[in-house]
Amino acid sequence: MIWYICILLFFLLLEGTIIVSVNIGFKKLEKRRLVNLYLLVRAAKIALSIIFVGVYYFVVKTDIKTFAVVFLLFYLLSVGFETWYFISKERQLKKEEGKE
C-alpha cells in the first residue's frame, strides 16, 4: 500500500519540478528554446517513470499489474495536466507578443 502513496508523491514532486522549470524557462528563454525545454521535460519524465516502475519491480516483485495500471492512470493524468499547462503558457506568450 505504501507504494501507491509513493506514486502520488512521485508525480507531485515531478510536476512541481516541471512547473518551476517551465516558469523559469518561460521568463529567461526565447520562444525557440522553450520547445527544447518542453521536449527535455517530457523525456526526463518518461525516463524517471521507467526508473520508478523498474525499482518497484526489482524491490517488490509482487502485484506488478495492479501497480502498473495505477501508475499508468497517474501518468496519463499528469500528461493531461502538463499539456493544458504548456498550452496556457504558449497562449500567454502569444498574447504578450501581440501587445508588443
C-alpha atoms as a PDB file:
ATOM      1  CA  MET A   1       0.000   0.000   0.000  1.00  0.00           C
ATOM      2  CA  ILE A   2       2.888   2.358   0.696  1.00  0.00           C
ATOM      3  CA  TRP A   3       3.898   2.147  -2.959  1.00  0.00           C
ATOM      4  CA  TYR A   4       0.624   3.710  -4.054  1.00  0.00           C
ATOM      5  CA  ILE A   5       1.317   6.694  -1.825  1.00  0.00           C
ATOM      6  CA  CYS A   6       4.792   6.801  -3.359  1.00  0.00           C
ATOM      7  CA  ILE A   7       3.205   7.047  -6.824  1.00  0.00           C
ATOM      8  CA  LEU A   8       1.263  10.114  -5.709  1.00  0.00           C
ATOM      9  CA  LEU A   9       4.335  11.690  -4.120  1.00  0.00           C
ATOM     10  CA  PHE A  10       6.434  10.878  -7.195  1.00  0.00           C
ATOM     11  CA  PHE A  11       4.043  12.687  -9.510  1.00  0.00           C
ATOM     12  CA  LEU A  12       3.518  15.617  -7.140  1.00  0.00           C
ATOM     13  CA  LEU A  13       7.269  16.195  -6.872  1.00  0.00           C
ATOM     14  CA  LEU A  14       7.800  15.655 -10.589  1.00  0.00           C
ATOM     15  CA  GLU A  15       5.010  18.005 -11.649  1.00  0.00           C
ATOM     16  CA  GLY A  16       6.141  20.628  -9.149  1.00  0.00           C
ATOM     17  CA  THR A  17       9.654  20.480 -10.560  1.00  0.00           C
ATOM     18  CA  ILE A  18       8.320  20.674 -14.111  1.00  0.00           C
ATOM     19  CA  ILE A  19       6.178  23.719 -13.348  1.00  0.00           C
ATOM     20  CA  VAL A  20       9.062  25.526 -11.662  1.00  0.00           C
ATOM     21  CA  SER A  21      11.480  24.751 -14.503  1.00  0.00           C
ATOM     22  CA  VAL A  22       8.986  25.819 -17.166  1.00  0.00           C
ATOM     23  CA  ASN A  23       8.248  29.060 -15.329  1.00  0.00           C
ATOM     24  CA  ILE A  24      11.961  29.816 -15.050  1.00  0.00           C
ATOM     25  CA  GLY A  25      12.482  28.927 -18.704  1.00  0.00           C
ATOM     26  CA  PHE A  26       9.452  30.959 -19.717  1.00  0.00           C
ATOM     27  CA  LYS A  27      10.976  34.056 -18.153  1.00  0.00           C
ATOM     28  CA  LYS A  28      14.569  33.525 -19.310  1.00  0.00           C
ATOM     29  CA  LEU A  29      14.465  31.707 -22.649  1.00  0.00           C
ATOM     30  CA  GLU A  30      13.343  32.868 -26.039  1.00  0.00           C
ATOM     31  CA  LYS A  31      10.388  31.208 -27.725  1.00  0.00           C
ATOM     32  CA  ARG A  32      12.515  28.936 -29.925  1.00  0.00           C
ATOM     33  CA  ARG A  33      14.318  27.445 -26.930  1.00  0.00           C
ATOM     34  CA  LEU A  34      11.109  26.826 -24.988  1.00  0.00           C
ATOM     35  CA  VAL A  35      10.278  23.960 -27.339  1.00  0.00           C
ATOM     36  CA  ASN A  36      13.576  22.320 -26.400  1.00  0.00           C
ATOM     37  CA  LEU A  37      12.715  22.765 -22.731  1.00  0.00           C
ATOM     38  CA  TYR A  38       9.302  21.149 -23.238  1.00  0.00           C
ATOM     39  CA  LEU A  39      10.879  18.177 -25.021  1.00  0.00           C
ATOM     40  CA  LEU A  40      13.553  17.833 -22.349  1.00  0.00           C
ATOM     41  CA  VAL A  41      10.908  17.852 -19.621  1.00  0.00           C
ATOM     42  CA  ARG A  42       8.881  15.155 -21.394  1.00  0.00           C
ATOM     43  CA  ALA A  43      11.940  12.959 -21.976  1.00  0.00           C
ATOM     44  CA  ALA A  44      13.036  13.313 -18.355  1.00  0.00           C
ATOM     45  CA  LYS A  45       9.543  12.420 -17.176  1.00  0.00           C
ATOM     46  CA  ILE A  46       9.490   9.249 -19.271  1.00  0.00           C
ATOM     47  CA  ALA A  47      12.964   8.225 -18.081  1.00  0.00           C
ATOM     48  CA  LEU A  48      12.169   8.858 -14.415  1.00  0.00           C
ATOM     49  CA  SER A  49       8.881   6.978 -14.739  1.00  0.00           C
ATOM     50  CA  ILE A  50      10.615   3.944 -16.223  1.00  0.00           C
ATOM     51  CA  ILE A  51      13.173   4.029 -13.422  1.00  0.00           C
ATOM     52  CA  PHE A  52      10.422   4.294 -10.782  1.00  0.00           C
ATOM     53  CA  VAL A  53       8.496   1.317 -12.170  1.00  0.00           C
ATOM     54  CA  GLY A  54      11.753  -0.621 -12.517  1.00  0.00           C
ATOM     55  CA  VAL A  55      12.643  -0.006  -8.882  1.00  0.00           C
ATOM     56  CA  TYR A  56       9.212  -1.222  -7.835  1.00  0.00           C
ATOM     57  CA  TYR A  57       9.576  -4.338  -9.987  1.00  0.00           C
ATOM     58  CA  PHE A  58      13.000  -5.241  -8.629  1.00  0.00           C
ATOM     59  CA  VAL A  59      12.233  -4.415  -4.986  1.00  0.00           C
ATOM     60  CA  VAL A  60       8.671  -5.692  -4.524  1.00  0.00           C
ATOM     61  CA  LYS A  61       8.141  -8.170  -7.396  1.00  0.00           C
ATOM     62  CA  THR A  62       4.503  -8.746  -6.492  1.00  0.00           C
ATOM     63  CA  ASP A  63       1.267  -7.344  -7.839  1.00  0.00           C
ATOM     64  CA  ILE A  64       3.069  -5.602 -10.703  1.00  0.00           C
ATOM     65  CA  LYS A  65      -0.020  -5.479 -12.940  1.00  0.00           C
ATOM     66  CA  THR A  66      -2.107  -3.505 -10.446  1.00  0.00           C
ATOM     67  CA  PHE A  67       0.790  -1.210  -9.736  1.00  0.00           C
ATOM     68  CA  ALA A  68       1.366  -0.628 -13.457  1.00  0.00           C
ATOM     69  CA  VAL A  69      -2.308   0.198 -14.075  1.00  0.00           C
ATOM     70  CA  VAL A  70      -2.422   2.686 -11.194  1.00  0.00           C
ATOM     71  CA  PHE A  71       0.888   4.198 -12.297  1.00  0.00           C
ATOM     72  CA  LEU A  72      -0.368   4.496 -15.884  1.00  0.00           C
ATOM     73  CA  LEU A  73      -3.518   6.294 -14.726  1.00  0.00           C
ATOM     74  CA  PHE A  74      -1.458   8.793 -12.747  1.00  0.00           C
ATOM     75  CA  TYR A  75       0.917   9.197 -15.687  1.00  0.00           C
ATOM     76  CA  LEU A  76      -1.920   9.926 -18.115  1.00  0.00           C
ATOM     77  CA  LEU A  77      -3.470  12.427 -15.699  1.00  0.00           C
ATOM     78  CA  SER A  78      -0.155  14.212 -15.294  1.00  0.00           C
ATOM     79  CA  VAL A  79       0.413  14.293 -19.071  1.00  0.00           C
ATOM     80  CA  GLY A  80      -3.033  15.826 -19.482  1.00  0.00           C
ATOM     81  CA  PHE A  81      -2.248  18.440 -16.852  1.00  0.00           C
ATOM     82  CA  GLU A  82       1.129  19.198 -18.437  1.00  0.00           C
ATOM     83  CA  THR A  83      -0.427  19.588 -21.869  1.00  0.00           C
ATOM     84  CA  TRP A  84      -3.004  22.018 -20.518  1.00  0.00           C
ATOM     85  CA  TYR A  85      -0.280  23.926 -18.658  1.00  0.00           C
ATOM     86  CA  PHE A  86       2.017  24.149 -21.707  1.00  0.00           C
ATOM     87  CA  ILE A  87      -0.852  25.317 -23.913  1.00  0.00           C
ATOM     88  CA  SER A  88      -1.780  28.036 -21.421  1.00  0.00           C
ATOM     89  CA  LYS A  89       1.854  29.193 -21.290  1.00  0.00           C
ATOM     90  CA  GLU A  90       2.022  29.300 -25.093  1.00  0.00           C
ATOM     91  CA  ARG A  91      -1.182  31.361 -25.225  1.00  0.00           C
ATOM     92  CA  GLN A  92       0.235  33.739 -22.640  1.00  0.00           C
ATOM     93  CA  LEU A  93       3.409  34.077 -24.710  1.00  0.00           C
ATOM     94  CA  LYS A  94       1.425  34.829 -27.876  1.00  0.00           C
ATOM     95  CA  LYS A  95      -0.665  37.461 -26.061  1.00  0.00           C
ATOM     96  CA  GLU A  96       2.498  39.158 -24.835  1.00  0.00           C
ATOM     97  CA  GLU A  97       3.959  39.111 -28.357  1.00  0.00           C
ATOM     98  CA  GLY A  98       0.763  40.637 -29.740  1.00  0.00           C
ATOM     99  CA  LYS A  99       0.898  43.542 -27.297  1.00  0.00           C
ATOM    100  CA  GLU A 100       4.481  44.483 -28.204  1.00  0.00           C
END
